[in-house]
C-alpha atoms as a PDB file:
ATOM      1  CA  UNK A   1     -94.483  94.851  10.909  1.00  0.00           C
ATOM      2  CA  UNK A   2     -97.660  93.472   9.393  1.00  0.00           C
ATOM      3  CA  UNK A   3     -99.970  95.494   7.223  1.00  0.00           C
ATOM      4  CA  UNK A   4    -103.391  94.798   8.651  1.00  0.00           C
ATOM      5  CA  UNK A   5    -106.443  95.160   6.422  1.00  0.00           C
ATOM      6  CA  UNK A   6    -108.934  95.321   9.280  1.00  0.00           C
ATOM      7  CA  UNK A   7    -108.959  95.433  13.074  1.00  0.00           C
ATOM      8  CA  UNK A   8    -111.983  93.823  14.733  1.00  0.00           C
ATOM      9  CA  UNK A   9    -112.951  94.748  18.300  1.00  0.00           C
ATOM     10  CA  UNK A  10    -115.558  93.126  20.487  1.00  0.00           C
ATOM     11  CA  UNK A  11    -115.570  94.225  24.094  1.00  0.00           C
ATOM     12  CA  UNK A  12    -118.323  94.903  26.555  1.00  0.00           C
ATOM     13  CA  UNK A  13    -120.284  91.807  27.471  1.00  0.00           C
ATOM     14  CA  UNK A  14    -118.665  91.682  30.912  1.00  0.00           C
ATOM     15  CA  UNK A  15    -119.685  95.285  31.677  1.00  0.00           C
ATOM     16  CA  UNK A  16    -123.295  94.208  31.214  1.00  0.00           C
ATOM     17  CA  UNK A  17    -122.930  92.554  34.658  1.00  0.00           C
ATOM     18  CA  UNK A  18    -122.879  95.949  36.293  1.00  0.00           C
ATOM     19  CA  UNK A  19    -126.138  97.139  37.858  1.00  0.00           C
ATOM     20  CA  UNK A  20    -125.298 100.596  36.470  1.00  0.00           C
ATOM     21  CA  UNK A  21    -126.659 101.728  33.136  1.00  0.00           C
ATOM     22  CA  UNK A  22    -123.965 104.396  32.865  1.00  0.00           C
ATOM     23  CA  UNK A  23    -121.312 103.269  30.408  1.00  0.00           C
ATOM     24  CA  UNK A  24    -119.267 106.479  30.402  1.00  0.00           C
ATOM     25  CA  UNK A  25    -116.273 104.691  32.001  1.00  0.00           C
ATOM     26  CA  UNK A  26    -116.464 101.940  29.379  1.00  0.00           C
ATOM     27  CA  UNK A  27    -116.671 104.531  26.591  1.00  0.00           C
ATOM     28  CA  UNK A  28    -113.709 106.467  27.976  1.00  0.00           C
ATOM     29  CA  UNK A  29    -111.555 103.338  28.257  1.00  0.00           C
ATOM     30  CA  UNK A  30    -112.520 102.071  24.825  1.00  0.00           C
ATOM     31  CA  UNK A  31    -111.819 105.472  23.267  1.00  0.00           C
ATOM     32  CA  UNK A  32    -108.255 105.276  24.632  1.00  0.00           C
ATOM     33  CA  UNK A  33    -107.849 101.790  23.141  1.00  0.00           C
ATOM     34  CA  UNK A  34    -109.141 102.993  19.787  1.00  0.00           C
ATOM     35  CA  UNK A  35    -106.853 106.032  19.800  1.00  0.00           C
ATOM     36  CA  UNK A  36    -103.843 103.782  20.445  1.00  0.00           C
ATOM     37  CA  UNK A  37    -104.867 101.411  17.670  1.00  0.00           C
ATOM     38  CA  UNK A  38    -105.312 104.285  15.230  1.00  0.00           C
ATOM     39  CA  UNK A  39    -101.880 105.600  16.177  1.00  0.00           C
ATOM     40  CA  UNK A  40    -100.242 102.176  15.805  1.00  0.00           C
ATOM     41  CA  UNK A  41    -102.098 101.251  12.603  1.00  0.00           C
ATOM     42  CA  UNK A  42    -102.848 104.499  10.744  1.00  0.00           C
ATOM     43  CA  UNK A  43    -105.362 104.131   7.949  1.00  0.00           C
ATOM     44  CA  UNK A  44    -106.436 100.629   8.999  1.00  0.00           C
ATOM     45  CA  UNK A  45    -110.217 100.389   9.314  1.00  0.00           C
ATOM     46  CA  UNK A  46    -111.591  99.272  12.677  1.00  0.00           C
ATOM     47  CA  UNK A  47    -114.783  97.262  12.997  1.00  0.00           C
ATOM     48  CA  UNK A  48    -116.584  97.295  16.331  1.00  0.00           C
ATOM     49  CA  UNK A  49    -118.871  94.339  16.952  1.00  0.00           C
ATOM     50  CA  UNK A  50    -121.646  95.025  19.423  1.00  0.00           C
ATOM     51  CA  UNK A  51    -122.271  92.719  22.326  1.00  0.00           C
ATOM     52  CA  UNK A  52    -124.365  89.656  21.696  1.00  0.00           C
ATOM     53  CA  UNK A  53    -127.663  88.990  23.347  1.00  0.00           C
ATOM     54  CA  UNK A  54    -127.361  87.936  26.970  1.00  0.00           C
ATOM     55  CA  UNK A  55    -130.196  86.422  28.941  1.00  0.00           C
ATOM     56  CA  UNK A  56    -131.320  86.343  32.517  1.00  0.00           C
ATOM     57  CA  UNK A  57    -134.092  84.286  34.058  1.00  0.00           C
ATOM     58  CA  UNK A  58    -137.322  86.199  34.659  1.00  0.00           C
ATOM     59  CA  UNK A  59    -140.513  84.517  35.744  1.00  0.00           C
ATOM     60  CA  UNK A  60    -139.168  81.148  34.615  1.00  0.00           C
ATOM     61  CA  UNK A  61    -138.060  82.298  31.160  1.00  0.00           C
ATOM     62  CA  UNK A  62    -134.733  83.439  29.775  1.00  0.00           C
ATOM     63  CA  UNK A  63    -135.046  86.975  28.394  1.00  0.00           C
ATOM     64  CA  UNK A  64    -132.636  89.649  27.227  1.00  0.00           C
ATOM     65  CA  UNK A  65    -131.021  91.572  30.067  1.00  0.00           C
ATOM     66  CA  UNK A  66    -132.518  95.095  30.023  1.00  0.00           C
ATOM     67  CA  UNK A  67    -129.042  96.654  29.967  1.00  0.00           C
ATOM     68  CA  UNK A  68    -128.050  95.032  26.645  1.00  0.00           C
ATOM     69  CA  UNK A  69    -129.881  97.478  24.313  1.00  0.00           C
ATOM     70  CA  UNK A  70    -128.529 100.396  26.374  1.00  0.00           C
ATOM     71  CA  UNK A  71    -124.981  99.058  26.060  1.00  0.00           C
ATOM     72  CA  UNK A  72    -125.411  98.579  22.316  1.00  0.00           C
ATOM     73  CA  UNK A  73    -126.517 102.209  21.955  1.00  0.00           C
ATOM     74  CA  UNK A  74    -123.368 103.237  23.846  1.00  0.00           C
ATOM     75  CA  UNK A  75    -121.285 101.092  21.486  1.00  0.00           C
ATOM     76  CA  UNK A  76    -122.995 102.628  18.469  1.00  0.00           C
ATOM     77  CA  UNK A  77    -122.117 106.077  19.811  1.00  0.00           C
ATOM     78  CA  UNK A  78    -118.523 104.916  20.380  1.00  0.00           C
ATOM     79  CA  UNK A  79    -118.309 103.772  16.773  1.00  0.00           C
ATOM     80  CA  UNK A  80    -119.820 106.995  15.415  1.00  0.00           C
ATOM     81  CA  UNK A  81    -117.672 109.278  17.598  1.00  0.00           C
ATOM     82  CA  UNK A  82    -114.497 107.445  16.563  1.00  0.00           C
ATOM     83  CA  UNK A  83    -115.459 106.884  12.919  1.00  0.00           C
ATOM     84  CA  UNK A  84    -115.450 103.090  13.209  1.00  0.00           C
ATOM     85  CA  UNK A  85    -117.353 100.508  11.245  1.00  0.00           C
ATOM     86  CA  UNK A  86    -120.104  98.907  13.342  1.00  0.00           C
ATOM     87  CA  UNK A  87    -121.822  95.536  13.139  1.00  0.00           C
ATOM     88  CA  UNK A  88    -124.742  94.785  15.409  1.00  0.00           C
ATOM     89  CA  UNK A  89    -124.144  91.244  16.620  1.00  0.00           C
ATOM     90  CA  UNK A  90    -127.279  91.395  18.778  1.00  0.00           C
ATOM     91  CA  UNK A  91    -129.438  92.025  15.693  1.00  0.00           C
ATOM     92  CA  UNK A  92    -127.536  89.425  13.667  1.00  0.00           C
ATOM     93  CA  UNK A  93    -128.450  86.845  16.323  1.00  0.00           C
ATOM     94  CA  UNK A  94    -132.117  87.759  15.953  1.00  0.00           C
ATOM     95  CA  UNK A  95    -132.429  90.564  18.499  1.00  0.00           C
ATOM     96  CA  UNK A  96    -134.482  90.447  21.666  1.00  0.00           C
ATOM     97  CA  UNK A  97    -134.445  87.069  23.467  1.00  0.00           C
ATOM     98  CA  UNK A  98    -132.346  85.413  20.749  1.00  0.00           C
ATOM     99  CA  UNK A  99    -129.772  83.964  23.174  1.00  0.00           C
ATOM    100  CA  UNK A 100    -132.383  81.583  24.582  1.00  0.00           C
ATOM    101  CA  UNK A 101    -133.004  80.296  21.060  1.00  0.00           C
ATOM    102  CA  UNK A 102    -129.272  79.829  20.513  1.00  0.00           C
ATOM    103  CA  UNK A 103    -128.817  77.985  23.831  1.00  0.00           C
ATOM    104  CA  UNK A 104    -131.858  75.759  23.299  1.00  0.00           C
ATOM    105  CA  UNK A 105    -131.235  75.006  19.610  1.00  0.00           C
ATOM    106  CA  UNK A 106    -130.571  71.420  18.545  1.00  0.00           C
ATOM    107  CA  UNK A 107    -127.613  71.300  18.279  1.00  0.00           C
ATOM    108  CA  UNK A 108    -126.986  74.104  20.764  1.00  0.00           C
ATOM    109  CA  UNK A 109    -125.389  77.314  19.459  1.00  0.00           C
ATOM    110  CA  UNK A 110    -124.678  78.762  22.909  1.00  0.00           C
ATOM    111  CA  UNK A 111    -123.841  77.521  26.379  1.00  0.00           C
ATOM    112  CA  UNK A 112    -126.532  76.968  28.989  1.00  0.00           C
ATOM    113  CA  UNK A 113    -125.236  80.047  30.839  1.00  0.00           C
ATOM    114  CA  UNK A 114    -127.330  81.963  28.265  1.00  0.00           C
ATOM    115  CA  UNK A 115    -124.381  84.315  27.824  1.00  0.00           C
ATOM    116  CA  UNK A 116    -121.671  82.737  25.660  1.00  0.00           C
ATOM    117  CA  UNK A 117    -121.872  81.371  22.143  1.00  0.00           C
ATOM    118  CA  UNK A 118    -120.286  77.979  21.644  1.00  0.00           C
ATOM    119  CA  UNK A 119    -118.168  76.970  18.644  1.00  0.00           C
ATOM    120  CA  UNK A 120    -121.219  76.202  16.469  1.00  0.00           C
ATOM    121  CA  UNK A 121    -122.823  79.545  17.385  1.00  0.00           C
ATOM    122  CA  UNK A 122    -119.578  81.354  16.692  1.00  0.00           C
ATOM    123  CA  UNK A 123    -119.401  79.708  13.289  1.00  0.00           C
ATOM    124  CA  UNK A 124    -122.984  80.732  12.503  1.00  0.00           C
ATOM    125  CA  UNK A 125    -122.288  84.348  13.515  1.00  0.00           C
ATOM    126  CA  UNK A 126    -118.941  84.338  11.691  1.00  0.00           C
ATOM    127  CA  UNK A 127    -120.651  83.247   8.490  1.00  0.00           C
ATOM    128  CA  UNK A 128    -123.276  85.970   8.965  1.00  0.00           C
ATOM    129  CA  UNK A 129    -120.506  88.557   9.378  1.00  0.00           C
ATOM    130  CA  UNK A 130    -118.756  87.273   6.248  1.00  0.00           C
ATOM    131  CA  UNK A 131    -122.077  87.433   4.407  1.00  0.00           C
ATOM    132  CA  UNK A 132    -122.405  91.074   5.452  1.00  0.00           C
ATOM    133  CA  UNK A 133    -119.008  91.810   3.927  1.00  0.00           C
ATOM    134  CA  UNK A 134    -119.978  90.142   0.653  1.00  0.00           C
ATOM    135  CA  UNK A 135    -123.285  92.011   0.595  1.00  0.00           C
ATOM    136  CA  UNK A 136    -121.538  95.361   1.079  1.00  0.00           C
ATOM    137  CA  UNK A 137    -118.964  94.528  -1.597  1.00  0.00           C
ATOM    138  CA  UNK A 138    -121.777  93.692  -4.019  1.00  0.00           C
ATOM    139  CA  UNK A 139    -123.558  96.996  -3.235  1.00  0.00           C
ATOM    140  CA  UNK A 140    -120.302  98.901  -3.737  1.00  0.00           C
ATOM    141  CA  UNK A 141    -119.619  97.205  -7.080  1.00  0.00           C
ATOM    142  CA  UNK A 142    -123.143  97.995  -8.305  1.00  0.00           C
ATOM    143  CA  UNK A 143    -122.757 101.674  -7.341  1.00  0.00           C
ATOM    144  CA  UNK A 144    -119.350 101.827  -8.988  1.00  0.00           C
ATOM    145  CA  UNK A 145    -120.719 100.247 -12.187  1.00  0.00           C
ATOM    146  CA  UNK A 146    -123.671 102.640 -12.243  1.00  0.00           C
ATOM    147  CA  UNK A 147    -121.350 105.633 -11.851  1.00  0.00           C
ATOM    148  CA  UNK A 148    -119.083 104.360 -14.630  1.00  0.00           C
ATOM    149  CA  UNK A 149    -122.093 103.939 -16.969  1.00  0.00           C
ATOM    150  CA  UNK A 150    -123.244 107.512 -16.278  1.00  0.00           C
ATOM    151  CA  UNK A 151    -119.904 109.067 -17.256  1.00  0.00           C
END
């Protein structure tokens, strides 16, 4: 009954627990979800947020789990194959090993499980996402103005 302007999806961090680096099952399941959403909300854009950074302890330091970049590439493929918008949360956090910085920040931006953002971290990422929207709107307006001037 509501006319949605945007659907935002963020799924996948739990599948990074798997020792497998094959995300074909995840992609298949997510494709079904996306197809149902497109059927239920035709014409509504869908934004897929990648997984965040997630750390594991290695040689006494918290570093990005090796599977995270592989999962993000699978999510990027999912977005491209299904014509979704994509926002790389991992890169927005700062990329490789950024979760440790979030968890150890003062005040902390993530929990000491080195996996989950806390409220303050969520706010920081939310503001970054909003900033991305404003940036894209500004680029669009500049292109539109330039096209109008050239007519």
